[in-house]
Amino acid sequence: KLTSEMLMIARNEQGEQHLMEKLDFGLLSELVIEELQTKAQEKNIEITLQKQDDLFMNGDQTLILRMMMNLITNAINYGKQMDIFMLS
């Protein structure tokens, strides 16, 4: 799935401009964790966030969220029960 997503991103970059904006990485991380918390709990996996204040980045919010969702979903899918994943 990740390969397909990366191919889609590359294709989009050729013909489409992405909206680059200042993003709060901590807030995006919270959103992704909140979205995936139930799935993690079903596998008895804990996701924690060590949020840093004032951590900003420039990027396309949709693409960054998609990338983060893919990474954490893969960690949940391929992690072992009782694992703890820490985002920092």
C-alpha atoms as a PDB file:
ATOM      1  CA  LYS A   1       0.000   0.000   0.000  1.00  0.00           C
ATOM      2  CA  LEU A   2       2.822   2.399   0.855  1.00  0.00           C
ATOM      3  CA  THR A   3       4.409   1.863  -2.560  1.00  0.00           C
ATOM      4  CA  SER A   4       1.099   2.670  -4.245  1.00  0.00           C
ATOM      5  CA  GLU A   5       0.769   5.822  -2.161  1.00  0.00           C
ATOM      6  CA  MET A   6       4.289   6.936  -3.060  1.00  0.00           C
ATOM      7  CA  LEU A   7       3.633   6.324  -6.756  1.00  0.00           C
ATOM      8  CA  MET A   8       0.437   8.347  -6.522  1.00  0.00           C
ATOM      9  CA  ILE A   9       2.310  11.187  -4.849  1.00  0.00           C
ATOM     10  CA  ALA A  10       5.003  11.142  -7.533  1.00  0.00           C
ATOM     11  CA  ARG A  11       2.387  11.210 -10.282  1.00  0.00           C
ATOM     12  CA  ASN A  12       0.570  14.075  -8.599  1.00  0.00           C
ATOM     13  CA  GLU A  13       3.785  16.043  -8.299  1.00  0.00           C
ATOM     14  CA  GLN A  14       4.235  15.919 -12.054  1.00  0.00           C
ATOM     15  CA  GLY A  15       0.935  17.567 -12.891  1.00  0.00           C
ATOM     16  CA  GLU A  16      -0.367  19.205  -9.769  1.00  0.00           C
ATOM     17  CA  GLN A  17       0.896  21.766  -7.312  1.00  0.00           C
ATOM     18  CA  HIS A  18       0.490  20.942  -3.679  1.00  0.00           C
ATOM     19  CA  LEU A  19      -0.514  23.469  -1.084  1.00  0.00           C
ATOM     20  CA  MET A  20       2.553  24.132   1.023  1.00  0.00           C
ATOM     21  CA  GLU A  21       1.661  25.562   4.396  1.00  0.00           C
ATOM     22  CA  LYS A  22       3.075  25.882   7.893  1.00  0.00           C
ATOM     23  CA  LEU A  23       1.918  22.831   9.854  1.00  0.00           C
ATOM     24  CA  ASP A  24       1.969  22.077  13.582  1.00  0.00           C
ATOM     25  CA  PHE A  25       3.574  18.630  13.651  1.00  0.00           C
ATOM     26  CA  GLY A  26       2.438  17.961  17.224  1.00  0.00           C
ATOM     27  CA  LEU A  27      -1.179  18.677  16.357  1.00  0.00           C
ATOM     28  CA  LEU A  28      -1.010  16.461  13.263  1.00  0.00           C
ATOM     29  CA  SER A  29       0.483  13.677  15.390  1.00  0.00           C
ATOM     30  CA  GLU A  30      -2.348  13.997  17.916  1.00  0.00           C
ATOM     31  CA  LEU A  31      -4.935  13.759  15.134  1.00  0.00           C
ATOM     32  CA  VAL A  32      -3.373  10.619  13.684  1.00  0.00           C
ATOM     33  CA  ILE A  33      -3.016   8.931  17.069  1.00  0.00           C
ATOM     34  CA  GLU A  34      -6.605   9.766  17.971  1.00  0.00           C
ATOM     35  CA  GLU A  35      -7.781   8.279  14.673  1.00  0.00           C
ATOM     36  CA  LEU A  36      -5.811   5.035  15.126  1.00  0.00           C
ATOM     37  CA  GLN A  37      -6.116   4.568  18.901  1.00  0.00           C
ATOM     38  CA  THR A  38      -9.040   2.121  18.689  1.00  0.00           C
ATOM     39  CA  LYS A  39      -7.259  -0.058  16.137  1.00  0.00           C
ATOM     40  CA  ALA A  40      -4.159  -0.112  18.346  1.00  0.00           C
ATOM     41  CA  GLN A  41      -6.191  -1.009  21.442  1.00  0.00           C
ATOM     42  CA  GLU A  42      -7.777  -3.927  19.580  1.00  0.00           C
ATOM     43  CA  LYS A  43      -4.259  -5.367  19.193  1.00  0.00           C
ATOM     44  CA  ASN A  44      -3.324  -4.401  22.748  1.00  0.00           C
ATOM     45  CA  ILE A  45      -0.775  -1.886  21.439  1.00  0.00           C
ATOM     46  CA  GLU A  46      -0.151   1.437  23.129  1.00  0.00           C
ATOM     47  CA  ILE A  47       0.702   4.570  21.162  1.00  0.00           C
ATOM     48  CA  THR A  48       2.198   7.475  23.066  1.00  0.00           C
ATOM     49  CA  LEU A  49       3.264  10.920  21.968  1.00  0.00           C
ATOM     50  CA  GLN A  50       6.081  12.985  23.402  1.00  0.00           C
ATOM     51  CA  LYS A  51       4.902  16.262  21.972  1.00  0.00           C
ATOM     52  CA  GLN A  52       7.328  19.116  21.570  1.00  0.00           C
ATOM     53  CA  ASP A  53       5.922  22.607  21.681  1.00  0.00           C
ATOM     54  CA  ASP A  54       6.429  24.819  18.669  1.00  0.00           C
ATOM     55  CA  LEU A  55       7.461  22.073  16.256  1.00  0.00           C
ATOM     56  CA  PHE A  56       6.376  23.313  12.855  1.00  0.00           C
ATOM     57  CA  MET A  57       7.083  22.198   9.316  1.00  0.00           C
ATOM     58  CA  ASN A  58       6.174  23.276   5.816  1.00  0.00           C
ATOM     59  CA  GLY A  59       4.270  20.791   3.689  1.00  0.00           C
ATOM     60  CA  ASP A  60       1.029  19.635   2.165  1.00  0.00           C
ATOM     61  CA  GLN A  61      -1.222  18.709   5.092  1.00  0.00           C
ATOM     62  CA  THR A  62      -3.091  16.003   3.174  1.00  0.00           C
ATOM     63  CA  LEU A  63       0.094  14.266   2.065  1.00  0.00           C
ATOM     64  CA  ILE A  64       1.762  14.541   5.476  1.00  0.00           C
ATOM     65  CA  LEU A  65      -1.309  13.114   7.233  1.00  0.00           C
ATOM     66  CA  ARG A  66      -1.513  10.277   4.706  1.00  0.00           C
ATOM     67  CA  MET A  67       2.163   9.442   5.235  1.00  0.00           C
ATOM     68  CA  MET A  68       1.800   9.482   9.024  1.00  0.00           C
ATOM     69  CA  MET A  69      -1.347   7.334   8.874  1.00  0.00           C
ATOM     70  CA  ASN A  70       0.457   4.786   6.686  1.00  0.00           C
ATOM     71  CA  LEU A  71       3.494   4.593   8.970  1.00  0.00           C
ATOM     72  CA  ILE A  72       1.503   4.178  12.172  1.00  0.00           C
ATOM     73  CA  THR A  73      -0.997   1.787  10.582  1.00  0.00           C
ATOM     74  CA  ASN A  74       1.915  -0.391   9.444  1.00  0.00           C
ATOM     75  CA  ALA A  75       3.383  -0.292  12.953  1.00  0.00           C
ATOM     76  CA  ILE A  76       0.036  -1.454  14.350  1.00  0.00           C
ATOM     77  CA  ASN A  77      -0.498  -4.123  11.691  1.00  0.00           C
ATOM     78  CA  TYR A  78       2.977  -5.615  12.045  1.00  0.00           C
ATOM     79  CA  GLY A  79       3.621  -4.917  15.718  1.00  0.00           C
ATOM     80  CA  LYS A  80       3.270  -7.492  18.464  1.00  0.00           C
ATOM     81  CA  GLN A  81       0.674  -7.443  21.193  1.00  0.00           C
ATOM     82  CA  MET A  82       1.748  -5.421  24.214  1.00  0.00           C
ATOM     83  CA  ASP A  83       4.095  -3.272  22.086  1.00  0.00           C
ATOM     84  CA  ILE A  84       4.419   0.401  22.876  1.00  0.00           C
ATOM     85  CA  PHE A  85       5.017   2.859  20.044  1.00  0.00           C
ATOM     86  CA  MET A  86       6.308   6.260  20.991  1.00  0.00           C
ATOM     87  CA  LEU A  87       6.170   9.229  18.641  1.00  0.00           C
ATOM     88  CA  SER A  88       8.552  11.999  19.515  1.00  0.00           C
END
